[in-house]
Amino acid sequence: AASGSIFSIYTMGWYRQAPGKQRELVAYITSGGRTNYTDSV
């Protein structure tokens, strides 16, 4: 859940960080609904 009135124009990403590892991008979605995923998911 995001605060703010301009959320709809953001490209939003989901990220994850496992213990001892760097944060990585999992997936993103554009304002228009286009999506992209990292290969592992």
Full PDB file with SEQRES, HELIX, SHEET, SSBOND, CRYST1, ORIGX, SCALE, CONECT and MASTER records, all heavy atoms in Angstrom:
SEQRES   1 A   41  ALA ALA SER GLY SER ILE PHE SER ILE TYR THR MET GLY          
SEQRES   2 A   41  TRP TYR ARG GLN ALA PRO GLY LYS GLN ARG GLU LEU VAL          
SEQRES   3 A   41  ALA TYR ILE THR SER GLY GLY ARG THR ASN TYR THR ASP          
SEQRES   4 A   41  SER VAL                                                      
HELIX    1 AA1 PHE A    7  ILE A    9  5                                   3    
SHEET    1 AA1 3 MET A  12  ARG A  16  0                                        
SHEET    2 AA1 3 GLU A  24  ILE A  29 -1                                        
SHEET    3 AA1 3 THR A  35  TYR A  37 -1                                        
CRYST1    1.000    1.000    1.000  90.00  90.00  90.00 P 1           1          
ORIGX1      1.000000  0.000000  0.000000        0.00000                         
ORIGX2      0.000000  1.000000  0.000000        0.00000                         
ORIGX3      0.000000  0.000000  1.000000        0.00000                         
SCALE1      1.000000  0.000000  0.000000        0.00000                         
SCALE2      0.000000  1.000000  0.000000        0.00000                         
SCALE3      0.000000  0.000000  1.000000        0.00000                         
ATOM      1  N   ALA A   1       0.847  -1.185   0.000  1.00  0.00           N  
ATOM      2  CA  ALA A   1       0.000   0.000   0.000  1.00  0.00           C  
ATOM      3  C   ALA A   1       0.883   1.236   0.000  1.00  0.00           C  
ATOM      4  O   ALA A   1       1.817   1.350   0.797  1.00  0.00           O  
ATOM      5  CB  ALA A   1      -0.895  -0.003   1.228  1.00  0.00           C  
ATOM      6  N   ALA A   2       0.586   2.154  -0.906  1.00  0.00           N  
ATOM      7  CA  ALA A   2       1.389   3.372  -1.058  1.00  0.00           C  
ATOM      8  C   ALA A   2       0.566   4.601  -0.710  1.00  0.00           C  
ATOM      9  O   ALA A   2      -0.608   4.690  -1.067  1.00  0.00           O  
ATOM     10  CB  ALA A   2       1.902   3.474  -2.482  1.00  0.00           C  
ATOM     11  N   SER A   3       1.204   5.528  -0.041  1.00  0.00           N  
ATOM     12  CA  SER A   3       0.567   6.820   0.206  1.00  0.00           C  
ATOM     13  C   SER A   3       0.873   7.726  -0.969  1.00  0.00           C  
ATOM     14  O   SER A   3       1.758   7.441  -1.771  1.00  0.00           O  
ATOM     15  CB  SER A   3       1.111   7.434   1.496  1.00  0.00           C  
ATOM     16  OG  SER A   3       2.498   7.719   1.356  1.00  0.00           O  
ATOM     17  N   GLY A   4       0.149   8.811  -1.085  1.00  0.00           N  
ATOM     18  CA  GLY A   4       0.475   9.760  -2.137  1.00  0.00           C  
ATOM     19  C   GLY A   4      -0.439   9.642  -3.345  1.00  0.00           C  
ATOM     20  O   GLY A   4      -0.866   8.555  -3.710  1.00  0.00           O  
ATOM     21  N   SER A   5      -0.713  10.772  -3.962  1.00  0.00           N  
ATOM     22  CA  SER A   5      -1.699  10.814  -5.041  1.00  0.00           C  
ATOM     23  C   SER A   5      -1.116  10.505  -6.405  1.00  0.00           C  
ATOM     24  O   SER A   5      -1.862  10.391  -7.364  1.00  0.00           O  
ATOM     25  CB  SER A   5      -2.362  12.190  -5.072  1.00  0.00           C  
ATOM     26  OG  SER A   5      -1.373  13.188  -5.312  1.00  0.00           O  
ATOM     27  N   ILE A   6       0.189  10.378  -6.524  1.00  0.00           N  
ATOM     28  CA  ILE A   6       0.787  10.167  -7.838  1.00  0.00           C  
ATOM     29  C   ILE A   6       1.223   8.728  -8.034  1.00  0.00           C  
ATOM     30  O   ILE A   6       1.956   8.420  -8.966  1.00  0.00           O  
ATOM     31  CB  ILE A   6       1.985  11.110  -8.080  1.00  0.00           C  
ATOM     32  CG1 ILE A   6       3.086  10.856  -7.037  1.00  0.00           C  
ATOM     33  CG2 ILE A   6       1.536  12.548  -8.062  1.00  0.00           C  
ATOM     34  CD1 ILE A   6       4.367  11.607  -7.332  1.00  0.00           C  
ATOM     35  N   PHE A   7       0.757   7.838  -7.187  1.00  0.00           N  
ATOM     36  CA  PHE A   7       1.132   6.432  -7.288  1.00  0.00           C  
ATOM     37  C   PHE A   7       0.846   5.881  -8.672  1.00  0.00           C  
ATOM     38  O   PHE A   7       1.616   5.088  -9.204  1.00  0.00           O  
ATOM     39  CB  PHE A   7       0.369   5.628  -6.236  1.00  0.00           C  
ATOM     40  CG  PHE A   7       0.452   4.144  -6.408  1.00  0.00           C  
ATOM     41  CD1 PHE A   7       1.543   3.447  -5.943  1.00  0.00           C  
ATOM     42  CD2 PHE A   7      -0.568   3.435  -7.049  1.00  0.00           C  
ATOM     43  CE1 PHE A   7       1.634   2.073  -6.095  1.00  0.00           C  
ATOM     44  CE2 PHE A   7      -0.492   2.063  -7.198  1.00  0.00           C  
ATOM     45  CZ  PHE A   7       0.608   1.381  -6.722  1.00  0.00           C  
ATOM     46  N   SER A   8      -0.245   6.299  -9.270  1.00  0.00           N  
ATOM     47  CA  SER A   8      -0.685   5.698 -10.525  1.00  0.00           C  
ATOM     48  C   SER A   8       0.304   5.902 -11.671  1.00  0.00           C  
ATOM     49  O   SER A   8       0.278   5.153 -12.641  1.00  0.00           O  
ATOM     50  CB  SER A   8      -2.053   6.233 -10.927  1.00  0.00           C  
ATOM     51  OG  SER A   8      -1.977   7.626 -11.151  1.00  0.00           O  
ATOM     52  N   ILE A   9       1.186   6.897 -11.562  1.00  0.00           N  
ATOM     53  CA  ILE A   9       2.136   7.128 -12.653  1.00  0.00           C  
ATOM     54  C   ILE A   9       3.458   6.415 -12.423  1.00  0.00           C  
ATOM     55  O   ILE A   9       4.321   6.406 -13.301  1.00  0.00           O  
ATOM     56  CB  ILE A   9       2.402   8.625 -12.890  1.00  0.00           C  
ATOM     57  CG1 ILE A   9       3.170   9.231 -11.716  1.00  0.00           C  
ATOM     58  CG2 ILE A   9       1.093   9.354 -13.139  1.00  0.00           C  
ATOM     59  CD1 ILE A   9       3.624  10.655 -11.985  1.00  0.00           C  
ATOM     60  N   TYR A  10       3.616   5.814 -11.245  1.00  0.00           N  
ATOM     61  CA  TYR A  10       4.871   5.143 -10.938  1.00  0.00           C  
ATOM     62  C   TYR A  10       4.955   3.793 -11.648  1.00  0.00           C  
ATOM     63  O   TYR A  10       3.976   3.050 -11.690  1.00  0.00           O  
ATOM     64  CB  TYR A  10       4.976   4.867  -9.437  1.00  0.00           C  
ATOM     65  CG  TYR A  10       5.367   6.032  -8.561  1.00  0.00           C  
ATOM     66  CD1 TYR A  10       5.465   7.308  -9.050  1.00  0.00           C  
ATOM     67  CD2 TYR A  10       5.641   5.836  -7.208  1.00  0.00           C  
ATOM     68  CE1 TYR A  10       5.819   8.368  -8.228  1.00  0.00           C  
ATOM     69  CE2 TYR A  10       5.998   6.875  -6.383  1.00  0.00           C  
ATOM     70  CZ  TYR A  10       6.088   8.146  -6.897  1.00  0.00           C  
ATOM     71  OH  TYR A  10       6.445   9.176  -6.082  1.00  0.00           O  
ATOM     72  N   THR A  11       6.147   3.473 -12.101  1.00  0.00           N  
ATOM     73  CA  THR A  11       6.473   2.076 -12.345  1.00  0.00           C  
ATOM     74  C   THR A  11       6.891   1.505 -10.999  1.00  0.00           C  
ATOM     75  O   THR A  11       7.779   2.051 -10.345  1.00  0.00           O  
ATOM     76  CB  THR A  11       7.611   1.928 -13.364  1.00  0.00           C  
ATOM     77  OG1 THR A  11       7.142   2.358 -14.652  1.00  0.00           O  
ATOM     78  CG2 THR A  11       8.082   0.484 -13.460  1.00  0.00           C  
ATOM     79  N   MET A  12       6.220   0.433 -10.583  1.00  0.00           N  
ATOM     80  CA  MET A  12       6.452  -0.120  -9.243  1.00  0.00           C  
ATOM     81  C   MET A  12       7.184  -1.450  -9.336  1.00  0.00           C  
ATOM     82  O   MET A  12       6.889  -2.287 -10.207  1.00  0.00           O  
ATOM     83  CB  MET A  12       5.128  -0.322  -8.529  1.00  0.00           C  
ATOM     84  CG  MET A  12       4.481   0.966  -8.080  1.00  0.00           C  
ATOM     85  SD  MET A  12       5.456   1.819  -6.821  1.00  0.00           S  
ATOM     86  CE  MET A  12       5.483   0.590  -5.507  1.00  0.00           C  
ATOM     87  N   GLY A  13       8.095  -1.637  -8.414  1.00  0.00           N  
ATOM     88  CA  GLY A  13       8.854  -2.885  -8.366  1.00  0.00           C  
ATOM     89  C   GLY A  13       8.678  -3.603  -7.046  1.00  0.00           C  
ATOM     90  O   GLY A  13       8.464  -2.974  -6.010  1.00  0.00           O  
ATOM     91  N   TRP A  14       8.747  -4.922  -7.109  1.00  0.00           N  
ATOM     92  CA  TRP A  14       8.886  -5.760  -5.922  1.00  0.00           C  
ATOM     93  C   TRP A  14      10.341  -6.223  -5.878  1.00  0.00           C  
ATOM     94  O   TRP A  14      10.896  -6.656  -6.900  1.00  0.00           O  
ATOM     95  CB  TRP A  14       7.967  -6.973  -5.977  1.00  0.00           C  
ATOM     96  CG  TRP A  14       6.577  -6.716  -5.493  1.00  0.00           C  
ATOM     97  CD1 TRP A  14       5.462  -6.516  -6.252  1.00  0.00           C  
ATOM     98  CD2 TRP A  14       6.137  -6.640  -4.131  1.00  0.00           C  
ATOM     99  NE1 TRP A  14       4.372  -6.324  -5.456  1.00  0.00           N  
ATOM    100  CE2 TRP A  14       4.764  -6.391  -4.135  1.00  0.00           C  
ATOM    101  CE3 TRP A  14       6.779  -6.757  -2.889  1.00  0.00           C  
ATOM    102  CZ2 TRP A  14       4.003  -6.264  -2.972  1.00  0.00           C  
ATOM    103  CZ3 TRP A  14       6.034  -6.625  -1.740  1.00  0.00           C  
ATOM    104  CH2 TRP A  14       4.674  -6.381  -1.782  1.00  0.00           C  
ATOM    105  N   TYR A  15      10.908  -6.129  -4.688  1.00  0.00           N  
ATOM    106  CA  TYR A  15      12.295  -6.502  -4.470  1.00  0.00           C  
ATOM    107  C   TYR A  15      12.353  -7.493  -3.317  1.00  0.00           C  
ATOM    108  O   TYR A  15      11.419  -7.578  -2.527  1.00  0.00           O  
ATOM    109  CB  TYR A  15      13.130  -5.268  -4.115  1.00  0.00           C  
ATOM    110  CG  TYR A  15      13.088  -4.192  -5.161  1.00  0.00           C  
ATOM    111  CD1 TYR A  15      12.011  -3.313  -5.237  1.00  0.00           C  
ATOM    112  CD2 TYR A  15      14.133  -4.040  -6.068  1.00  0.00           C  
ATOM    113  CE1 TYR A  15      11.967  -2.328  -6.210  1.00  0.00           C  
ATOM    114  CE2 TYR A  15      14.095  -3.051  -7.042  1.00  0.00           C  
ATOM    115  CZ  TYR A  15      13.012  -2.198  -7.103  1.00  0.00           C  
ATOM    116  OH  TYR A  15      12.969  -1.227  -8.068  1.00  0.00           O  
ATOM    117  N   ARG A  16      13.460  -8.208  -3.215  1.00  0.00           N  
ATOM    118  CA  ARG A  16      13.624  -9.097  -2.069  1.00  0.00           C  
ATOM    119  C   ARG A  16      15.086  -9.131  -1.646  1.00  0.00           C  
ATOM    120  O   ARG A  16      15.984  -8.921  -2.455  1.00  0.00           O  
ATOM    121  CB  ARG A  16      13.138 -10.509  -2.378  1.00  0.00           C  
ATOM    122  CG  ARG A  16      13.931 -11.254  -3.436  1.00  0.00           C  
ATOM    123  CD  ARG A  16      13.251 -12.586  -3.743  1.00  0.00           C  
ATOM    124  NE  ARG A  16      13.970 -13.336  -4.767  1.00  0.00           N  
ATOM    125  CZ  ARG A  16      13.518 -14.466  -5.313  1.00  0.00           C  
ATOM    126  NH1 ARG A  16      12.341 -14.977  -4.929  1.00  0.00           N  
ATOM    127  NH2 ARG A  16      14.230 -15.090  -6.226  1.00  0.00           N  
ATOM    128  N   GLN A  17      15.277  -9.401  -0.364  1.00  0.00           N  
ATOM    129  CA  GLN A  17      16.619  -9.518   0.179  1.00  0.00           C  
ATOM    130  C   GLN A  17      16.684 -10.732   1.081  1.00  0.00           C  
ATOM    131  O   GLN A  17      16.002 -10.787   2.110  1.00  0.00           O  
ATOM    132  CB  GLN A  17      17.030  -8.258   0.947  1.00  0.00           C  
ATOM    133  CG  GLN A  17      18.472  -8.271   1.394  1.00  0.00           C  
ATOM    134  CD  GLN A  17      18.940  -6.914   1.880  1.00  0.00           C  
ATOM    135  OE1 GLN A  17      18.150  -6.041   2.215  1.00  0.00           O  
ATOM    136  NE2 GLN A  17      20.254  -6.721   1.892  1.00  0.00           N  
ATOM    137  N   ALA A  18      17.481 -11.698   0.662  1.00  0.00           N  
ATOM    138  CA  ALA A  18      17.684 -12.906   1.446  1.00  0.00           C  
ATOM    139  C   ALA A  18      18.849 -12.677   2.416  1.00  0.00           C  
ATOM    140  O   ALA A  18      19.700 -11.806   2.185  1.00  0.00           O  
ATOM    141  CB  ALA A  18      17.985 -14.077   0.525  1.00  0.00           C  
ATOM    142  N   PRO A  19      18.903 -13.447   3.492  1.00  0.00           N  
ATOM    143  CA  PRO A  19      19.993 -13.285   4.459  1.00  0.00           C  
ATOM    144  C   PRO A  19      21.370 -13.394   3.799  1.00  0.00           C  
ATOM    145  O   PRO A  19      21.636 -14.321   3.038  1.00  0.00           O  
ATOM    146  CB  PRO A  19      19.761 -14.436   5.437  1.00  0.00           C  
ATOM    147  CG  PRO A  19      18.318 -14.727   5.347  1.00  0.00           C  
ATOM    148  CD  PRO A  19      17.946 -14.476   3.916  1.00  0.00           C  
ATOM    149  N   GLY A  20      22.206 -12.397   4.049  1.00  0.00           N  
ATOM    150  CA  GLY A  20      23.561 -12.414   3.518  1.00  0.00           C  
ATOM    151  C   GLY A  20      23.686 -12.056   2.050  1.00  0.00           C  
ATOM    152  O   GLY A  20      24.776 -12.159   1.471  1.00  0.00           O  
ATOM    153  N   LYS A  21      22.580 -11.650   1.450  1.00  0.00           N  
ATOM    154  CA  LYS A  21      22.607 -11.317   0.023  1.00  0.00           C  
ATOM    155  C   LYS A  21      22.135  -9.893  -0.201  1.00  0.00           C  
ATOM    156  O   LYS A  21      21.490  -9.296   0.641  1.00  0.00           O  
ATOM    157  CB  LYS A  21      21.725 -12.288  -0.769  1.00  0.00           C  
ATOM    158  CG  LYS A  21      22.221 -13.726  -0.750  1.00  0.00           C  
ATOM    159  CD  LYS A  21      21.407 -14.592  -1.686  1.00  0.00           C  
ATOM    160  CE  LYS A  21      21.955 -16.007  -1.727  1.00  0.00           C  
ATOM    161  NZ  LYS A  21      21.164 -16.865  -2.669  1.00  0.00           N  
ATOM    162  N   GLN A  22      22.466  -9.376  -1.375  1.00  0.00           N  
ATOM    163  CA  GLN A  22      22.018  -8.040  -1.737  1.00  0.00           C  
ATOM    164  C   GLN A  22      20.551  -8.060  -2.150  1.00  0.00           C  
ATOM    165  O   GLN A  22      20.023  -9.086  -2.587  1.00  0.00           O  
ATOM    166  CB  GLN A  22      22.871  -7.494  -2.888  1.00  0.00           C  
ATOM    167  CG  GLN A  22      24.299  -7.151  -2.496  1.00  0.00           C  
ATOM    168  CD  GLN A  22      25.034  -6.416  -3.601  1.00  0.00           C  
ATOM    169  OE1 GLN A  22      24.710  -6.561  -4.784  1.00  0.00           O  
ATOM    170  NE2 GLN A  22      26.013  -5.621  -3.218  1.00  0.00           N  
ATOM    171  N   ARG A  23      19.915  -6.909  -1.996  1.00  0.00           N  
ATOM    172  CA  ARG A  23      18.537  -6.774  -2.440  1.00  0.00           C  
ATOM    173  C   ARG A  23      18.484  -6.924  -3.955  1.00  0.00           C  
ATOM    174  O   ARG A  23      19.334  -6.382  -4.665  1.00  0.00           O  
ATOM    175  CB  ARG A  23      17.995  -5.417  -2.030  1.00  0.00           C  
ATOM    176  CG  ARG A  23      16.511  -5.211  -2.234  1.00  0.00           C  
ATOM    177  CD  ARG A  23      16.092  -3.886  -1.613  1.00  0.00           C  
ATOM    178  NE  ARG A  23      16.180  -3.928  -0.156  1.00  0.00           N  
ATOM    179  CZ  ARG A  23      16.218  -2.853   0.606  1.00  0.00           C  
ATOM    180  NH1 ARG A  23      16.210  -1.654   0.062  1.00  0.00           N  
ATOM    181  NH2 ARG A  23      16.285  -2.961   1.912  1.00  0.00           N  
ATOM    182  N   GLU A  24      17.485  -7.641  -4.448  1.00  0.00           N  
ATOM    183  CA  GLU A  24      17.357  -7.857  -5.881  1.00  0.00           C  
ATOM    184  C   GLU A  24      15.942  -7.544  -6.347  1.00  0.00           C  
ATOM    185  O   GLU A  24      14.980  -7.697  -5.593  1.00  0.00           O  
ATOM    186  CB  GLU A  24      17.706  -9.307  -6.251  1.00  0.00           C  
ATOM    187  CG  GLU A  24      16.762 -10.356  -5.684  1.00  0.00           C  
ATOM    188  CD  GLU A  24      16.986 -11.752  -6.242  1.00  0.00           C  
ATOM    189  OE1 GLU A  24      17.729 -11.904  -7.232  1.00  0.00           O  
ATOM    190  OE2 GLU A  24      16.402 -12.699  -5.685  1.00  0.00           O  
ATOM    191  N   LEU A  25      15.851  -7.149  -7.610  1.00  0.00           N  
ATOM    192  CA  LEU A  25      14.546  -6.898  -8.220  1.00  0.00           C  
ATOM    193  C   LEU A  25      13.890  -8.225  -8.547  1.00  0.00           C  
ATOM    194  O   LEU A  25      14.515  -9.098  -9.150  1.00  0.00           O  
ATOM    195  CB  LEU A  25      14.716  -6.063  -9.486  1.00  0.00           C  
ATOM    196  CG  LEU A  25      13.461  -5.811 -10.304  1.00  0.00           C  
ATOM    197  CD1 LEU A  25      12.492  -4.905  -9.558  1.00  0.00           C  
ATOM    198  CD2 LEU A  25      13.815  -5.218 -11.658  1.00  0.00           C  
ATOM    199  N   VAL A  26      12.624  -8.361  -8.194  1.00  0.00           N  
ATOM    200  CA  VAL A  26      11.854  -9.566  -8.499  1.00  0.00           C  
ATOM    201  C   VAL A  26      10.968  -9.349  -9.718  1.00  0.00           C  
ATOM    202  O   VAL A  26      10.925 -10.176 -10.632  1.00  0.00           O  
ATOM    203  CB  VAL A  26      10.990  -9.981  -7.300  1.00  0.00           C  
ATOM    204  CG1 VAL A  26      10.099 -11.166  -7.648  1.00  0.00           C  
ATOM    205  CG2 VAL A  26      11.866 -10.289  -6.098  1.00  0.00           C  
ATOM    206  N   ALA A  27      10.277  -8.221  -9.746  1.00  0.00           N  
ATOM    207  CA  ALA A  27       9.351  -7.931 -10.830  1.00  0.00           C  
ATOM    208  C   ALA A  27       9.022  -6.453 -10.810  1.00  0.00           C  
ATOM    209  O   ALA A  27       9.145  -5.798  -9.771  1.00  0.00           O  
ATOM    210  CB  ALA A  27       8.067  -8.750 -10.693  1.00  0.00           C  
ATOM    211  N   TYR A  28       8.582  -5.937 -11.961  1.00  0.00           N  
ATOM    212  CA  TYR A  28       8.063  -4.567 -11.966  1.00  0.00           C  
ATOM    213  C   TYR A  28       6.850  -4.482 -12.875  1.00  0.00           C  
ATOM    214  O   TYR A  28       6.628  -5.336 -13.746  1.00  0.00           O  
ATOM    215  CB  TYR A  28       9.128  -3.545 -12.362  1.00  0.00           C  
ATOM    216  CG  TYR A  28       9.598  -3.567 -13.797  1.00  0.00           C  
ATOM    217  CD1 TYR A  28       8.824  -3.002 -14.816  1.00  0.00           C  
ATOM    218  CD2 TYR A  28      10.837  -4.108 -14.123  1.00  0.00           C  
ATOM    219  CE1 TYR A  28       9.271  -3.003 -16.124  1.00  0.00           C  
ATOM    220  CE2 TYR A  28      11.285  -4.110 -15.435  1.00  0.00           C  
ATOM    221  CZ  TYR A  28      10.503  -3.554 -16.428  1.00  0.00           C  
ATOM    222  OH  TYR A  28      10.945  -3.555 -17.724  1.00  0.00           O  
ATOM    223  N   ILE A  29       6.069  -3.425 -12.651  1.00  0.00           N  
ATOM    224  CA  ILE A  29       4.874  -3.182 -13.452  1.00  0.00           C  
ATOM    225  C   ILE A  29       4.807  -1.693 -13.754  1.00  0.00           C  
ATOM    226  O   ILE A  29       4.950  -0.862 -12.865  1.00  0.00           O  
ATOM    227  CB  ILE A  29       3.598  -3.686 -12.740  1.00  0.00           C  
ATOM    228  CG1 ILE A  29       2.368  -3.507 -13.619  1.00  0.00           C  
ATOM    229  CG2 ILE A  29       3.403  -3.042 -11.373  1.00  0.00           C  
ATOM    230  CD1 ILE A  29       1.129  -4.254 -13.110  1.00  0.00           C  
ATOM    231  N   THR A  30       4.597  -1.352 -15.018  1.00  0.00           N  
ATOM    232  CA  THR A  30       4.517   0.045 -15.414  1.00  0.00           C  
ATOM    233  C   THR A  30       3.142   0.624 -15.100  1.00  0.00           C  
ATOM    234  O   THR A  30       2.210  -0.109 -14.748  1.00  0.00           O  
ATOM    235  CB  THR A  30       4.803   0.212 -16.906  1.00  0.00           C  
ATOM    236  OG1 THR A  30       3.715  -0.376 -17.655  1.00  0.00           O  
ATOM    237  CG2 THR A  30       6.105  -0.462 -17.313  1.00  0.00           C  
ATOM    238  N   SER A  31       3.000   1.919 -15.265  1.00  0.00           N  
ATOM    239  CA  SER A  31       1.711   2.557 -15.038  1.00  0.00           C  
ATOM    240  C   SER A  31       0.655   2.008 -15.993  1.00  0.00           C  
ATOM    241  O   SER A  31      -0.529   1.961 -15.663  1.00  0.00           O  
ATOM    242  CB  SER A  31       1.828   4.068 -15.191  1.00  0.00           C  
ATOM    243  OG  SER A  31       2.303   4.399 -16.488  1.00  0.00           O  
ATOM    244  N   GLY A  32       1.089   1.543 -17.149  1.00  0.00           N  
ATOM    245  CA  GLY A  32       0.168   0.999 -18.129  1.00  0.00           C  
ATOM    246  C   GLY A  32      -0.076  -0.494 -17.997  1.00  0.00           C  
ATOM    247  O   GLY A  32      -0.820  -1.078 -18.774  1.00  0.00           O  
ATOM    248  N   GLY A  33       0.588  -1.122 -17.019  1.00  0.00           N  
ATOM    249  CA  GLY A  33       0.349  -2.533 -16.761  1.00  0.00           C  
ATOM    250  C   GLY A  33       1.330  -3.494 -17.405  1.00  0.00           C  
ATOM    251  O   GLY A  33       1.159  -4.716 -17.300  1.00  0.00           O  
ATOM    252  N   ARG A  34       2.342  -2.977 -18.054  1.00  0.00           N  
ATOM    253  CA  ARG A  34       3.355  -3.885 -18.618  1.00  0.00           C  
ATOM    254  C   ARG A  34       4.209  -4.448 -17.497  1.00  0.00           C  
ATOM    255  O   ARG A  34       4.602  -3.716 -16.592  1.00  0.00           O  
ATOM    256  CB  ARG A  34       4.213  -3.157 -19.637  1.00  0.00           C  
ATOM    257  CG  ARG A  34       5.223  -4.049 -20.352  1.00  0.00           C  
ATOM    258  CD  ARG A  34       5.891  -3.289 -21.491  1.00  0.00           C  
ATOM    259  NE  ARG A  34       6.583  -2.085 -21.033  1.00  0.00           N  
ATOM    260  CZ  ARG A  34       7.833  -2.060 -20.617  1.00  0.00           C  
ATOM    261  NH1 ARG A  34       8.533  -3.190 -20.566  1.00  0.00           N  
ATOM    262  NH2 ARG A  34       8.402  -0.932 -20.248  1.00  0.00           N  
ATOM    263  N   THR A  35       4.519  -5.722 -17.587  1.00  0.00           N  
ATOM    264  CA  THR A  35       5.237  -6.386 -16.496  1.00  0.00           C  
ATOM    265  C   THR A  35       6.546  -7.013 -16.971  1.00  0.00           C  
ATOM    266  O   THR A  35       6.725  -7.294 -18.161  1.00  0.00           O  
ATOM    267  CB  THR A  35       4.376  -7.486 -15.857  1.00  0.00           C  
ATOM    268  OG1 THR A  35       4.030  -8.459 -16.852  1.00  0.00           O  
ATOM    269  CG2 THR A  35       3.102  -6.914 -15.271  1.00  0.00           C  
ATOM    270  N   ASN A  36       7.411  -7.223 -16.008  1.00  0.00           N  
ATOM    271  CA  ASN A  36       8.688  -7.882 -16.285  1.00  0.00           C  
ATOM    272  C   ASN A  36       9.126  -8.615 -15.036  1.00  0.00           C  
ATOM    273  O   ASN A  36       8.876  -8.138 -13.916  1.00  0.00           O  
ATOM    274  CB  ASN A  36       9.746  -6.863 -16.710  1.00  0.00           C  
ATOM    275  CG  ASN A  36      10.988  -7.529 -17.253  1.00  0.00           C  
ATOM    276  OD1 ASN A  36      11.888  -7.887 -16.523  1.00  0.00           O  
ATOM    277  ND2 ASN A  36      11.031  -7.734 -18.553  1.00  0.00           N  
ATOM    278  N   TYR A  37       9.752  -9.791 -15.219  1.00  0.00           N  
ATOM    279  CA  TYR A  37      10.120 -10.635 -14.078  1.00  0.00           C  
ATOM    280  C   TYR A  37      11.577 -11.090 -14.184  1.00  0.00           C  
ATOM    281  O   TYR A  37      12.078 -11.326 -15.291  1.00  0.00           O  
ATOM    282  CB  TYR A  37       9.237 -11.887 -14.043  1.00  0.00           C  
ATOM    283  CG  TYR A  37       7.768 -11.575 -13.919  1.00  0.00           C  
ATOM    284  CD1 TYR A  37       6.982 -11.377 -15.049  1.00  0.00           C  
ATOM    285  CD2 TYR A  37       7.160 -11.478 -12.667  1.00  0.00           C  
ATOM    286  CE1 TYR A  37       5.632 -11.073 -14.941  1.00  0.00           C  
ATOM    287  CE2 TYR A  37       5.809 -11.182 -12.552  1.00  0.00           C  
ATOM    288  CZ  TYR A  37       5.057 -10.977 -13.701  1.00  0.00           C  
ATOM    289  OH  TYR A  37       3.727 -10.674 -13.582  1.00  0.00           O  
ATOM    290  N   THR A  38      12.200 -11.266 -13.036  1.00  0.00           N  
ATOM    291  CA  THR A  38      13.498 -11.907 -13.064  1.00  0.00           C  
ATOM    292  C   THR A  38      13.312 -13.379 -13.422  1.00  0.00           C  
ATOM    293  O   THR A  38      12.253 -13.978 -13.172  1.00  0.00           O  
ATOM    294  CB  THR A  38      14.193 -11.755 -11.693  1.00  0.00           C  
ATOM    295  OG1 THR A  38      15.560 -12.111 -11.816  1.00  0.00           O  
ATOM    296  CG2 THR A  38      13.524 -12.601 -10.628  1.00  0.00           C  
ATOM    297  N   ASP A  39      14.320 -13.948 -14.045  1.00  0.00           N  
ATOM    298  CA  ASP A  39      14.175 -15.298 -14.600  1.00  0.00           C  
ATOM    299  C   ASP A  39      13.748 -16.337 -13.565  1.00  0.00           C  
ATOM    300  O   ASP A  39      12.968 -17.250 -13.866  1.00  0.00           O  
ATOM    301  CB  ASP A  39      15.484 -15.743 -15.260  1.00  0.00           C  
ATOM    302  CG  ASP A  39      15.738 -15.059 -16.587  1.00  0.00           C  
ATOM    303  OD1 ASP A  39      14.802 -14.443 -17.127  1.00  0.00           O  
ATOM    304  OD2 ASP A  39      16.881 -15.141 -17.074  1.00  0.00           O  
ATOM    305  N   SER A  40      14.232 -16.199 -12.354  1.00  0.00           N  
ATOM    306  CA  SER A  40      13.991 -17.236 -11.352  1.00  0.00           C  
ATOM    307  C   SER A  40      12.536 -17.325 -10.902  1.00  0.00           C  
ATOM    308  O   SER A  40      12.147 -18.321 -10.282  1.00  0.00           O  
ATOM    309  CB  SER A  40      14.892 -17.023 -10.140  1.00  0.00           C  
ATOM    310  OG  SER A  40      14.614 -15.787  -9.525  1.00  0.00           O  
ATOM    311  N   VAL A  41      11.718 -16.308 -11.211  1.00  0.00           N  
ATOM    312  CA  VAL A  41      10.319 -16.337 -10.765  1.00  0.00           C  
ATOM    313  C   VAL A  41       9.339 -16.373 -11.926  1.00  0.00           C  
ATOM    314  O   VAL A  41       8.125 -16.446 -11.706  1.00  0.00           O  
ATOM    315  CB  VAL A  41       9.989 -15.140  -9.850  1.00  0.00           C  
ATOM    316  CG1 VAL A  41      10.989 -15.037  -8.710  1.00  0.00           C  
ATOM    317  CG2 VAL A  41       9.914 -13.841 -10.626  1.00  0.00           C  
TER     318      VAL A  41                                                      
MASTER        0    0    0    1    3    0    0    6  317    1    0    4          
END                                                                             
